[in-house]
Amino acid sequence: MKMIKRALNISAALFFMTGVVYAQSISDARKAIEVEQFEKAKAILGKLAQNPETAAESQYYLGDVYLKTLELDSAQVFFDKGVATNPQFPLNYVGQGKLNILNKNFAQAKPLFDKAIALGQKEKDYRPYLETARAYALAGEDGDAASIETAISYVEQAKKIAPKSAEVYTALGDAYLLKKDANNAIANYNKALDLDKNYLRAYVAQSHIYRGAQSYESAMAPLEKALSIDDKYAPAYRELAELYYSSAQYSKAIDIYKNKYMPLTDASCNSQTRYASTLFLAKQYQSAYDEINMLMKTCQVKPVMYRLLAYSAYEIKKPKEAYDAMNTFFQKQAASGVITSDYEYMAKILSENKMDSLAINYLQKALEKDPSKVDLYPMLGKMSFTAKNFPLAISTYEKYIATPAKKTPTDYLYYGLAALYSKDYKKADSAFAKVNELSPTYVPGYLYRGQANYKLDESNKEALAKPFYEKVIELGEADKAKNAKSLIEAYRYMGDYTYTIQKDITASKGYFSKILELDPNDKQAQEVLNALNKPGGKNK
């Protein structure tokens, strides 16, 4: 439904009628449609449809309301009913044609448009041309260049009949905007305002162009003008919220959506979707999660909503829901629409669900898609370590260390542990040396370095491990309860070293005694002390 999104919003400005008593009420209904008060419009049009003089026209606008809310079956019903009610009224044929365009049935749409235009020409009515142009603009929204040119040609025909219509010039500007011809678009919006200074749709359209050009002040000015004319004109508030959103002023965008735009409208699926997106970007994850869940009950949502639901659920610690939503996203989203953060979030979600081996695959996909995302390397390295894929952990951390990114002690810690468990003790020693350098009071850093060096010197002839175990004792004894496990290992090493290398029985007994102070049930320490305390124990 991509091609519906913009053209349906842009085409909210409808035709003003003159004549019979009911014309003003039709105008009221159309105004309600323009400002997205769809339920109000339905109520007005439902009553008008009971009058034979306005029935066919009312049915067209009822169909238009349902088309805007993407209830296409209902739209079809009213367009068909309008044709049956008055076959000479042209716009319902255009409505039928619009639905064919949305279904890409161009061949079936064309005769319907031709019939509407032929009927309109009898009354010199520009509206069939204009609405036909808007129909082709729906296809143009999907990138169909030929349809955009067709839309422009139909608006030009409408202009010949109504050369002083601000609505026509605004529609022409919309068509040029689809063509990405901003100069012609803005020229036509300016012409519309030359003809009618109070034509609010043109101000909003001007702002939209300037926002696209990232000209904040230029985009703000037309909105301020529109709201000075009518401070309850909802489309101006919608565009203002979009302006704040695009300039990363998310709190302001939320305020406008919530307190200005949405109270003035029937909350549409499009507006609710954008509001939910803004809540997420503002890091209001719980609110985004709640809004998206409500949205899904009433709207046919796009895959991006499953993305945001998954992201939000992850951020508020709902990993199972995040996993389900992310799976649905990947099922519904075309591969071309998947972005790096989708793989990244899926990896984090899988990890939270204790599926690290699967998470690794998604992190690798993220890095394949965007190699510049070097910040993902530590996550991949740690997950690989947790999954006991030590070779991958080592290679990942080495890639990360080769980048200019700032490394943390944790990065070197997991790199060192992966190397240690892979029996690459020299590499482990180098990694733990960086841990010691970056975090000189971190006790486990010295413990693991002691382990690596012990493996490099198991005979203790060079005493490679000794200075690191001594450092464990020096730092660890400041908080024996916290560091008990590390201290016990260090005391055990030093007890063995002083006995076997230094032949210092007293020192050895002292270290093993310290083990029992921390763990009176340590059997090895008990046995060693018993042996050392026996007559002749010094030879044991």
Protein backbone atom coordinates (compact mmCIF):
# COMPACT_ATOMS: atom_id res chain seq x y z
CA MET A 1 0.00 0.00 0.00
CA LYS A 2 3.01 2.28 -0.29
CA MET A 3 1.45 4.16 -3.18
CA ILE A 4 -1.60 5.01 -1.10
CA LYS A 5 0.28 6.73 1.70
CA ARG A 6 1.17 10.14 0.39
CA ALA A 7 -1.29 10.63 -2.44
CA LEU A 8 -4.26 9.85 -0.24
CA ASN A 9 -3.07 12.35 2.35
CA ILE A 10 -2.24 14.99 -0.23
CA SER A 11 -5.56 14.58 -2.01
CA ALA A 12 -7.55 15.59 1.06
CA ALA A 13 -8.54 18.95 -0.49
CA LEU A 14 -11.83 18.31 -2.32
CA PHE A 15 -14.18 20.23 -4.54
CA PHE A 16 -16.51 22.99 -3.31
CA MET A 17 -20.04 22.79 -4.65
CA THR A 18 -22.58 25.49 -5.23
CA GLY A 19 -26.30 25.56 -5.74
CA VAL A 20 -28.87 23.59 -3.79
CA VAL A 21 -29.61 23.75 -0.10
CA TYR A 22 -27.56 20.60 0.53
CA ALA A 23 -24.36 22.03 -1.04
CA GLN A 24 -23.13 23.55 2.22
CA SER A 25 -23.57 20.28 4.03
CA ILE A 26 -21.61 18.49 1.31
CA SER A 27 -18.97 21.15 1.76
CA ASP A 28 -18.97 20.50 5.51
CA ALA A 29 -18.45 16.80 4.88
CA ARG A 30 -15.58 17.47 2.54
CA LYS A 31 -13.99 19.81 5.04
CA ALA A 32 -14.29 17.11 7.68
CA ILE A 33 -12.52 14.70 5.30
CA GLU A 34 -9.77 17.24 4.66
CA VAL A 35 -9.03 17.59 8.37
CA GLU A 36 -9.30 13.81 8.88
CA GLN A 37 -12.51 13.86 10.90
CA PHE A 38 -13.77 10.83 9.06
CA GLU A 39 -16.53 9.76 11.45
CA LYS A 40 -18.02 13.23 11.33
CA ALA A 41 -17.87 13.12 7.53
CA LYS A 42 -19.59 9.73 7.46
CA ALA A 43 -22.41 11.02 9.66
CA ILE A 44 -23.04 14.03 7.42
CA LEU A 45 -22.82 12.03 4.21
CA GLY A 46 -25.01 9.24 5.55
CA LYS A 47 -27.85 11.72 5.98
CA LEU A 48 -27.25 13.38 2.64
CA ALA A 49 -27.27 10.01 0.88
CA GLN A 50 -30.96 9.73 1.78
CA ASN A 51 -31.79 12.75 -0.38
CA PRO A 52 -32.14 11.91 -4.09
CA GLU A 53 -30.56 15.21 -5.12
CA THR A 54 -27.34 14.59 -3.22
CA ALA A 55 -27.31 10.79 -2.95
CA ALA A 56 -24.81 10.00 -5.74
CA GLU A 57 -22.39 12.73 -4.67
CA SER A 58 -22.63 11.68 -1.03
CA GLN A 59 -21.91 8.09 -1.98
CA TYR A 60 -18.80 9.20 -3.84
CA TYR A 61 -17.44 11.02 -0.80
CA LEU A 62 -18.40 8.12 1.47
CA GLY A 63 -16.40 5.88 -0.84
CA ASP A 64 -13.55 8.40 -0.67
CA VAL A 65 -13.57 8.29 3.13
CA TYR A 66 -13.30 4.51 3.12
CA LEU A 67 -10.56 4.67 0.51
CA LYS A 68 -8.58 7.01 2.76
CA THR A 69 -8.95 4.65 5.71
CA LEU A 70 -7.90 1.74 3.48
CA GLU A 71 -11.24 -0.03 3.78
CA LEU A 72 -11.30 -0.74 0.08
CA ASP A 73 -14.21 -3.19 0.05
CA SER A 74 -16.46 -0.58 1.65
CA ALA A 75 -15.19 2.06 -0.78
CA GLN A 76 -16.16 -0.23 -3.67
CA VAL A 77 -19.66 -0.65 -2.26
CA PHE A 78 -20.32 3.10 -2.15
CA PHE A 79 -18.79 3.86 -5.56
CA ASP A 80 -20.91 1.11 -7.10
CA LYS A 81 -23.99 2.34 -5.28
CA GLY A 82 -23.31 5.88 -6.52
CA VAL A 83 -23.18 4.70 -10.13
CA ALA A 84 -26.43 2.80 -9.67
CA THR A 85 -28.10 5.78 -7.99
CA ASN A 86 -27.22 8.27 -10.74
CA PRO A 87 -25.34 6.94 -13.80
CA GLN A 88 -24.93 10.53 -15.03
CA PHE A 89 -22.90 11.67 -12.03
CA PRO A 90 -19.24 11.30 -13.10
CA LEU A 91 -17.20 11.01 -9.91
CA ASN A 92 -18.27 7.52 -8.86
CA TYR A 93 -16.76 6.19 -12.09
CA VAL A 94 -13.52 7.87 -11.04
CA GLY A 95 -13.84 6.17 -7.66
CA GLN A 96 -14.18 2.78 -9.32
CA GLY A 97 -11.15 3.63 -11.44
CA LYS A 98 -9.09 4.57 -8.39
CA LEU A 99 -9.68 1.13 -6.91
CA ASN A 100 -8.55 -0.46 -10.16
CA ILE A 101 -5.40 1.66 -10.07
CA LEU A 102 -4.67 0.52 -6.53
CA ASN A 103 -4.97 -3.06 -7.77
CA LYS A 104 -2.76 -2.18 -10.78
CA ASN A 105 -5.61 -2.84 -13.20
CA PHE A 106 -4.80 0.12 -15.43
CA ALA A 107 -6.61 -1.28 -18.47
CA GLN A 108 -9.90 -1.55 -16.55
CA ALA A 109 -9.46 1.88 -14.98
CA LYS A 110 -9.02 3.85 -18.21
CA PRO A 111 -12.58 3.37 -19.62
CA LEU A 112 -14.02 4.40 -16.27
CA PHE A 113 -11.99 7.62 -16.28
CA ASP A 114 -12.95 8.32 -19.89
CA LYS A 115 -16.61 7.91 -19.04
CA ALA A 116 -16.36 10.25 -16.07
CA ILE A 117 -14.56 12.90 -18.13
CA ALA A 118 -17.11 12.65 -20.94
CA LEU A 119 -19.93 13.17 -18.46
CA GLY A 120 -18.10 16.08 -16.84
CA GLN A 121 -17.46 17.82 -20.14
CA LYS A 122 -21.19 18.28 -20.62
CA GLU A 123 -21.20 20.50 -17.55
CA LYS A 124 -17.68 21.89 -18.11
CA ASP A 125 -16.74 20.24 -14.82
CA TYR A 126 -13.03 20.10 -14.02
CA ARG A 127 -13.46 17.60 -11.20
CA PRO A 128 -13.32 14.36 -13.23
CA TYR A 129 -9.99 15.47 -14.68
CA LEU A 130 -8.64 16.37 -11.26
CA GLU A 131 -9.77 13.20 -9.52
CA THR A 132 -8.46 11.10 -12.40
CA ALA A 133 -5.10 12.84 -11.95
CA ARG A 134 -5.18 11.92 -8.28
CA ALA A 135 -5.91 8.32 -9.22
CA TYR A 136 -2.79 8.14 -11.36
CA ALA A 137 -0.86 9.87 -8.57
CA LEU A 138 -1.56 6.77 -6.46
CA ALA A 139 0.48 4.74 -8.92
CA GLY A 140 3.05 7.52 -9.11
CA GLU A 141 3.60 7.21 -5.39
CA ASP A 142 4.95 3.74 -6.11
CA GLY A 143 7.51 5.19 -8.49
CA ASP A 144 5.58 4.74 -11.75
CA ALA A 145 7.02 7.60 -13.81
CA ALA A 146 4.50 7.16 -16.64
CA SER A 147 1.60 7.49 -14.20
CA ILE A 148 3.09 10.71 -12.80
CA GLU A 149 3.24 12.22 -16.29
CA THR A 150 -0.34 11.09 -16.89
CA ALA A 151 -1.40 12.73 -13.63
CA ILE A 152 0.22 16.02 -14.69
CA SER A 153 -1.51 15.93 -18.06
CA TYR A 154 -4.92 15.45 -16.45
CA VAL A 155 -4.37 18.32 -14.01
CA GLU A 156 -3.40 20.53 -16.96
CA GLN A 157 -6.76 19.66 -18.53
CA ALA A 158 -8.52 20.58 -15.28
CA LYS A 159 -6.63 23.88 -15.27
CA LYS A 160 -8.04 24.78 -18.70
CA ILE A 161 -11.55 24.50 -17.27
CA ALA A 162 -10.78 26.08 -13.87
CA PRO A 163 -7.81 28.43 -14.40
CA LYS A 164 -8.44 30.27 -11.14
CA SER A 165 -8.79 27.29 -8.83
CA ALA A 166 -6.31 27.15 -5.96
CA GLU A 167 -7.17 23.48 -5.59
CA VAL A 168 -6.12 22.73 -9.16
CA TYR A 169 -2.75 24.45 -8.81
CA THR A 170 -2.13 22.66 -5.52
CA ALA A 171 -2.89 19.33 -7.16
CA LEU A 172 -0.47 20.23 -9.96
CA GLY A 173 2.18 21.01 -7.35
CA ASP A 174 1.52 17.62 -5.75
CA ALA A 175 2.05 15.87 -9.06
CA TYR A 176 5.34 17.69 -9.68
CA LEU A 177 6.43 16.80 -6.17
CA LEU A 178 5.90 13.14 -7.03
CA LYS A 179 8.13 13.77 -10.03
CA LYS A 180 10.74 15.17 -7.61
CA ASP A 181 10.52 18.51 -9.42
CA ALA A 182 10.53 20.77 -6.36
CA ASN A 183 10.83 23.99 -8.38
CA ASN A 184 7.65 23.41 -10.36
CA ALA A 185 5.91 22.08 -7.27
CA ILE A 186 6.64 25.20 -5.20
CA ALA A 187 5.74 27.47 -8.13
CA ASN A 188 2.29 25.90 -8.33
CA TYR A 189 1.74 26.07 -4.58
CA ASN A 190 2.68 29.75 -4.72
CA LYS A 191 0.22 30.27 -7.58
CA ALA A 192 -2.51 28.59 -5.54
CA LEU A 193 -1.90 31.05 -2.70
CA ASP A 194 -1.87 33.99 -5.14
CA LEU A 195 -5.39 32.92 -6.08
CA ASP A 196 -6.55 32.21 -2.52
CA LYS A 197 -4.50 33.37 0.48
CA ASN A 198 -6.63 31.20 2.76
CA TYR A 199 -6.11 27.93 0.90
CA LEU A 200 -4.52 26.09 3.82
CA ARG A 201 -3.56 22.92 1.94
CA ALA A 202 -1.06 24.91 -0.12
CA TYR A 203 0.72 26.22 2.99
CA VAL A 204 1.08 22.68 4.31
CA ALA A 205 2.37 21.54 0.91
CA GLN A 206 4.95 24.33 0.87
CA SER A 207 6.19 23.28 4.29
CA HIS A 208 6.45 19.69 3.13
CA ILE A 209 8.81 20.68 0.32
CA TYR A 210 11.02 22.82 2.56
CA ARG A 211 11.15 20.03 5.12
CA GLY A 212 12.37 17.68 2.41
CA ALA A 213 15.08 20.21 1.60
CA GLN A 214 16.01 20.30 5.33
CA SER A 215 15.28 24.01 5.51
CA TYR A 216 13.81 24.20 9.00
CA GLU A 217 12.93 27.89 9.16
CA SER A 218 11.47 27.90 5.64
CA ALA A 219 9.34 24.89 6.53
CA MET A 220 8.09 26.47 9.74
CA ALA A 221 6.90 29.75 8.19
CA PRO A 222 4.02 28.36 6.05
CA LEU A 223 2.74 26.31 8.98
CA GLU A 224 2.69 29.35 11.23
CA LYS A 225 0.75 31.21 8.53
CA ALA A 226 -1.76 28.38 8.14
CA LEU A 227 -2.33 28.13 11.89
CA SER A 228 -2.73 31.89 12.16
CA ILE A 229 -5.64 31.54 9.73
CA ASP A 230 -7.13 28.47 11.40
CA ASP A 231 -5.59 27.27 14.65
CA LYS A 232 -7.60 24.05 14.45
CA TYR A 233 -6.36 22.98 11.03
CA ALA A 234 -5.16 19.46 11.81
CA PRO A 235 -3.02 18.85 8.67
CA ALA A 236 -0.82 21.80 9.68
CA TYR A 237 -0.21 20.22 13.08
CA ARG A 238 0.55 16.89 11.41
CA GLU A 239 3.16 18.54 9.21
CA LEU A 240 4.55 20.43 12.21
CA ALA A 241 4.96 17.15 14.09
CA GLU A 242 6.69 15.70 11.02
CA LEU A 243 9.00 18.71 10.93
CA TYR A 244 9.99 18.20 14.54
CA TYR A 245 10.36 14.47 13.91
CA SER A 246 12.65 14.96 10.90
CA SER A 247 14.85 17.36 12.90
CA ALA A 248 15.14 14.82 15.76
CA GLN A 249 13.09 16.98 18.15
CA TYR A 250 11.13 13.95 19.26
CA SER A 251 9.69 15.37 22.47
CA LYS A 252 8.17 18.28 20.55
CA ALA A 253 6.89 15.93 17.87
CA ILE A 254 5.19 13.78 20.51
CA ASP A 255 3.62 16.84 22.13
CA ILE A 256 2.17 18.06 18.82
CA TYR A 257 0.89 14.63 17.83
CA LYS A 258 -0.64 13.92 21.21
CA ASN A 259 -2.00 17.29 22.26
CA LYS A 260 -2.72 19.09 18.99
CA TYR A 261 -3.07 16.84 15.97
CA MET A 262 -4.74 13.70 17.29
CA PRO A 263 -7.44 15.45 19.38
CA LEU A 264 -8.55 17.29 16.22
CA THR A 265 -8.81 14.18 14.06
CA ASP A 266 -10.10 10.65 13.98
CA ALA A 267 -6.78 9.02 14.77
CA SER A 268 -5.86 7.48 11.43
CA CYS A 269 -3.65 4.46 10.98
CA ASN A 270 -1.02 6.64 9.33
CA SER A 271 -0.97 9.18 12.16
CA GLN A 272 -0.94 6.51 14.85
CA THR A 273 1.90 4.72 13.07
CA ARG A 274 3.98 7.89 12.94
CA TYR A 275 3.15 8.70 16.56
CA ALA A 276 4.28 5.24 17.66
CA SER A 277 7.49 5.64 15.68
CA THR A 278 8.14 8.98 17.33
CA LEU A 279 7.60 7.51 20.78
CA PHE A 280 10.19 4.85 20.04
CA LEU A 281 12.76 7.31 18.73
CA ALA A 282 12.21 9.42 21.84
CA LYS A 283 13.08 6.27 23.84
CA GLN A 284 9.62 6.15 25.39
CA TYR A 285 9.63 2.40 24.86
CA GLN A 286 6.72 1.44 27.11
CA SER A 287 4.48 4.06 25.51
CA ALA A 288 5.57 2.95 22.03
CA TYR A 289 4.88 -0.68 22.94
CA ASP A 290 1.38 0.18 24.21
CA GLU A 291 0.57 2.38 21.21
CA ILE A 292 1.68 -0.24 18.68
CA ASN A 293 -0.37 -2.95 20.37
CA MET A 294 -3.48 -0.76 20.22
CA LEU A 295 -2.70 0.11 16.61
CA MET A 296 -2.52 -3.54 15.64
CA LYS A 297 -6.04 -4.15 16.91
CA THR A 298 -7.60 -1.65 14.51
CA CYS A 299 -5.23 -1.16 11.56
CA GLN A 300 -3.66 -3.22 8.84
CA VAL A 301 -0.11 -2.43 9.85
CA LYS A 302 3.02 -2.46 7.74
CA PRO A 303 5.97 -4.71 8.59
CA VAL A 304 7.81 -1.76 10.14
CA MET A 305 5.36 -1.85 13.04
CA TYR A 306 6.44 -5.39 13.90
CA ARG A 307 10.00 -4.09 13.86
CA LEU A 308 9.20 -1.31 16.31
CA LEU A 309 7.10 -3.65 18.45
CA ALA A 310 10.04 -6.05 18.69
CA TYR A 311 12.52 -3.27 19.44
CA SER A 312 10.25 -1.76 22.10
CA ALA A 313 9.47 -5.13 23.70
CA TYR A 314 13.20 -5.86 23.95
CA GLU A 315 13.88 -2.50 25.59
CA ILE A 316 11.19 -3.09 28.25
CA LYS A 317 12.48 -6.59 29.02
CA LYS A 318 9.86 -8.66 27.18
CA PRO A 319 12.22 -10.95 25.24
CA LYS A 320 9.62 -13.59 24.27
CA GLU A 321 7.26 -11.01 22.76
CA ALA A 322 10.21 -9.33 21.10
CA TYR A 323 11.23 -12.64 19.55
CA ASP A 324 7.73 -13.34 18.20
CA ALA A 325 7.39 -9.84 16.75
CA MET A 326 10.83 -9.93 15.15
CA ASN A 327 10.09 -13.29 13.52
CA THR A 328 6.87 -11.86 12.10
CA PHE A 329 8.78 -8.85 10.80
CA PHE A 330 11.29 -11.01 8.92
CA GLN A 331 8.43 -13.07 7.45
CA LYS A 332 6.55 -10.02 6.19
CA GLN A 333 9.35 -7.64 5.22
CA ALA A 334 10.99 -7.87 1.81
CA ALA A 335 14.73 -8.50 2.05
CA SER A 336 15.42 -5.10 0.50
CA GLY A 337 13.68 -3.45 3.44
CA VAL A 338 15.77 -5.13 6.14
CA ILE A 339 18.28 -2.79 7.78
CA THR A 340 21.37 -3.48 9.86
CA SER A 341 19.66 -2.73 13.16
CA ASP A 342 17.10 -5.47 12.43
CA TYR A 343 19.85 -8.08 12.51
CA GLU A 344 21.41 -6.41 15.53
CA TYR A 345 18.18 -6.36 17.54
CA MET A 346 17.35 -9.93 16.54
CA ALA A 347 20.75 -11.01 17.84
CA LYS A 348 20.17 -9.25 21.17
CA ILE A 349 16.65 -10.68 21.40
CA LEU A 350 17.91 -14.20 20.70
CA SER A 351 20.61 -13.79 23.31
CA GLU A 352 18.03 -12.72 25.90
CA ASN A 353 16.09 -15.86 25.00
CA LYS A 354 19.22 -17.98 25.64
CA MET A 355 19.81 -18.70 21.96
CA ASP A 356 23.31 -17.30 21.55
CA SER A 357 24.31 -19.70 18.77
CA LEU A 358 21.50 -18.31 16.60
CA ALA A 359 22.25 -14.78 17.72
CA ILE A 360 25.78 -15.09 16.36
CA ASN A 361 24.42 -15.67 12.85
CA TYR A 362 22.41 -12.45 12.97
CA LEU A 363 25.34 -10.40 14.19
CA GLN A 364 27.42 -11.78 11.35
CA LYS A 365 24.66 -10.76 8.92
CA ALA A 366 24.65 -7.27 10.39
CA LEU A 367 28.39 -6.94 9.87
CA GLU A 368 28.14 -8.32 6.35
CA LYS A 369 25.48 -5.74 5.55
CA ASP A 370 27.41 -2.88 7.13
CA PRO A 371 31.10 -3.57 7.83
CA SER A 372 31.45 -0.09 9.31
CA LYS A 373 29.41 -1.18 12.35
CA VAL A 374 32.55 -2.03 14.32
CA ASP A 375 30.64 -1.48 17.56
CA LEU A 376 29.03 -4.88 16.94
CA TYR A 377 32.33 -6.75 17.23
CA PRO A 378 32.39 -6.80 21.06
CA MET A 379 28.85 -8.18 21.15
CA LEU A 380 29.71 -10.85 18.59
CA GLY A 381 32.92 -11.68 20.43
CA LYS A 382 31.20 -12.08 23.77
CA MET A 383 28.33 -14.13 22.31
CA SER A 384 30.85 -16.37 20.55
CA PHE A 385 32.69 -16.83 23.84
CA THR A 386 29.44 -17.64 25.68
CA ALA A 387 28.60 -20.18 22.99
CA LYS A 388 32.12 -21.66 23.48
CA ASN A 389 33.04 -20.83 19.92
CA PHE A 390 36.46 -19.65 21.03
CA PRO A 391 38.11 -19.43 17.57
CA LEU A 392 35.34 -17.10 16.36
CA ALA A 393 35.59 -15.06 19.55
CA ILE A 394 39.34 -14.66 19.05
CA SER A 395 39.09 -13.66 15.38
CA THR A 396 36.26 -11.24 16.15
CA TYR A 397 38.13 -9.46 18.92
CA GLU A 398 41.25 -9.29 16.78
CA LYS A 399 39.26 -7.56 14.03
CA TYR A 400 37.89 -5.16 16.60
CA ILE A 401 41.30 -4.46 18.16
CA ALA A 402 42.60 -3.59 14.69
CA THR A 403 40.05 -0.77 14.41
CA PRO A 404 40.55 2.71 15.89
CA ALA A 405 37.53 2.25 18.16
CA LYS A 406 38.14 2.71 21.88
CA LYS A 407 38.47 -0.66 23.60
CA THR A 408 37.35 -1.48 27.12
CA PRO A 409 38.91 -3.83 29.69
CA THR A 410 35.95 -6.17 29.06
CA ASP A 411 36.90 -6.47 25.39
CA TYR A 412 40.41 -7.60 26.27
CA LEU A 413 39.09 -9.80 29.08
CA TYR A 414 36.89 -11.93 26.81
CA TYR A 415 39.56 -11.96 24.13
CA GLY A 416 42.04 -13.23 26.70
CA LEU A 417 39.64 -15.85 28.08
CA ALA A 418 38.90 -17.17 24.59
CA ALA A 419 42.64 -17.48 23.98
CA LEU A 420 43.19 -19.07 27.40
CA TYR A 421 40.54 -21.73 26.77
CA SER A 422 42.01 -22.29 23.30
CA LYS A 423 45.39 -22.93 24.96
CA ASP A 424 46.97 -19.97 23.20
CA TYR A 425 48.62 -18.82 26.39
CA LYS A 426 50.90 -16.17 24.95
CA LYS A 427 47.98 -14.47 23.25
CA ALA A 428 46.00 -14.76 26.49
CA ASP A 429 48.88 -13.18 28.46
CA SER A 430 49.02 -10.23 26.05
CA ALA A 431 45.27 -9.70 26.31
CA PHE A 432 45.25 -9.84 30.12
CA ALA A 433 48.20 -7.43 30.18
CA LYS A 434 45.88 -4.90 28.50
CA VAL A 435 43.23 -5.62 31.12
CA ASN A 436 45.80 -4.86 33.83
CA GLU A 437 46.81 -1.66 32.06
CA LEU A 438 43.25 -0.38 31.55
CA SER A 439 41.89 -1.56 34.90
CA PRO A 440 44.82 -1.82 37.33
CA THR A 441 42.69 -2.67 40.38
CA TYR A 442 40.60 -5.40 38.73
CA VAL A 443 41.55 -8.58 40.60
CA PRO A 444 40.37 -11.21 38.05
CA GLY A 445 42.59 -9.61 35.41
CA TYR A 446 45.66 -10.60 37.40
CA LEU A 447 44.19 -13.99 38.28
CA TYR A 448 43.66 -14.93 34.63
CA ARG A 449 47.08 -13.61 33.71
CA GLY A 450 48.51 -15.79 36.43
CA GLN A 451 46.70 -18.80 34.95
CA ALA A 452 48.03 -18.08 31.46
CA ASN A 453 51.58 -17.68 32.71
CA TYR A 454 51.39 -20.81 34.82
CA LYS A 455 50.56 -22.74 31.65
CA LEU A 456 53.58 -21.15 30.00
CA ASP A 457 55.75 -22.23 32.94
CA GLU A 458 54.18 -25.23 34.65
CA SER A 459 57.46 -26.24 36.26
CA ASN A 460 57.62 -22.77 37.89
CA LYS A 461 61.31 -22.55 37.04
CA GLU A 462 60.87 -19.01 35.71
CA ALA A 463 58.14 -18.08 38.19
CA LEU A 464 56.17 -16.40 35.37
CA ALA A 465 52.88 -16.63 37.22
CA LYS A 466 54.20 -15.51 40.61
CA PRO A 467 53.97 -11.69 40.26
CA PHE A 468 50.36 -11.89 39.10
CA TYR A 469 49.20 -14.15 41.91
CA GLU A 470 51.00 -11.87 44.34
CA LYS A 471 49.07 -8.96 42.85
CA VAL A 472 45.82 -10.89 43.35
CA ILE A 473 46.71 -11.21 47.03
CA GLU A 474 47.76 -7.57 47.35
CA LEU A 475 44.54 -6.24 45.86
CA GLY A 476 42.16 -9.01 46.90
CA GLU A 477 42.85 -8.88 50.62
CA ALA A 478 41.25 -5.46 50.76
CA ASP A 479 37.92 -7.29 50.46
CA LYS A 480 38.41 -10.95 51.27
CA ALA A 481 34.74 -11.87 51.13
CA LYS A 482 34.33 -10.45 47.61
CA ASN A 483 37.58 -11.92 46.31
CA ALA A 484 37.57 -15.20 48.22
CA LYS A 485 37.66 -17.49 45.17
CA SER A 486 40.51 -15.56 43.53
CA LEU A 487 42.43 -15.40 46.80
CA ILE A 488 42.12 -19.14 47.40
CA GLU A 489 43.63 -19.86 43.99
CA ALA A 490 46.43 -17.35 44.58
CA TYR A 491 47.17 -18.73 48.06
CA ARG A 492 47.22 -22.25 46.64
CA TYR A 493 49.72 -21.26 43.93
CA MET A 494 51.93 -19.39 46.38
CA GLY A 495 51.74 -22.22 48.91
CA ASP A 496 52.93 -24.66 46.27
CA TYR A 497 55.59 -22.27 44.95
CA THR A 498 57.09 -21.50 48.34
CA TYR A 499 57.21 -25.20 49.17
CA THR A 500 58.52 -26.67 45.90
CA ILE A 501 60.70 -23.84 44.62
CA GLN A 502 61.72 -21.83 47.66
CA LYS A 503 61.63 -24.74 50.13
CA ASP A 504 60.06 -22.38 52.67
CA ILE A 505 57.80 -24.59 54.76
CA THR A 506 56.70 -21.81 57.09
CA ALA A 507 55.62 -19.58 54.23
CA SER A 508 53.85 -22.48 52.54
CA LYS A 509 51.96 -23.36 55.72
CA GLY A 510 50.98 -19.71 56.03
CA TYR A 511 49.37 -19.65 52.57
CA PHE A 512 47.46 -22.89 53.07
CA SER A 513 46.28 -21.64 56.46
CA LYS A 514 44.89 -18.55 54.77
CA ILE A 515 42.89 -20.82 52.45
CA LEU A 516 41.25 -22.43 55.48
CA GLU A 517 40.43 -19.01 56.92
CA LEU A 518 38.33 -18.40 53.81
CA ASP A 519 37.08 -21.96 53.38
CA PRO A 520 37.50 -24.19 56.44
CA ASN A 521 36.27 -27.17 54.41
CA ASP A 522 38.94 -26.99 51.70
CA LYS A 523 40.17 -30.61 51.69
CA GLN A 524 43.40 -30.04 49.81
CA ALA A 525 44.51 -27.31 52.22
CA GLN A 526 43.62 -29.54 55.16
CA GLU A 527 45.62 -32.44 53.75
CA VAL A 528 48.66 -30.31 52.92
CA LEU A 529 48.75 -28.71 56.37
CA ASN A 530 48.35 -32.09 58.05
CA ALA A 531 51.27 -33.41 56.05
CA LEU A 532 53.43 -30.35 56.72
CA ASN A 533 52.67 -30.45 60.45
CA LYS A 534 53.71 -34.09 60.84
CA PRO A 535 57.21 -34.93 62.00
CA GLY A 536 59.37 -34.81 58.91
CA GLY A 537 56.68 -32.87 57.12
CA LYS A 538 59.22 -30.56 55.58
CA ASN A 539 60.15 -33.40 53.25
CA LYS A 540 56.63 -33.95 52.03
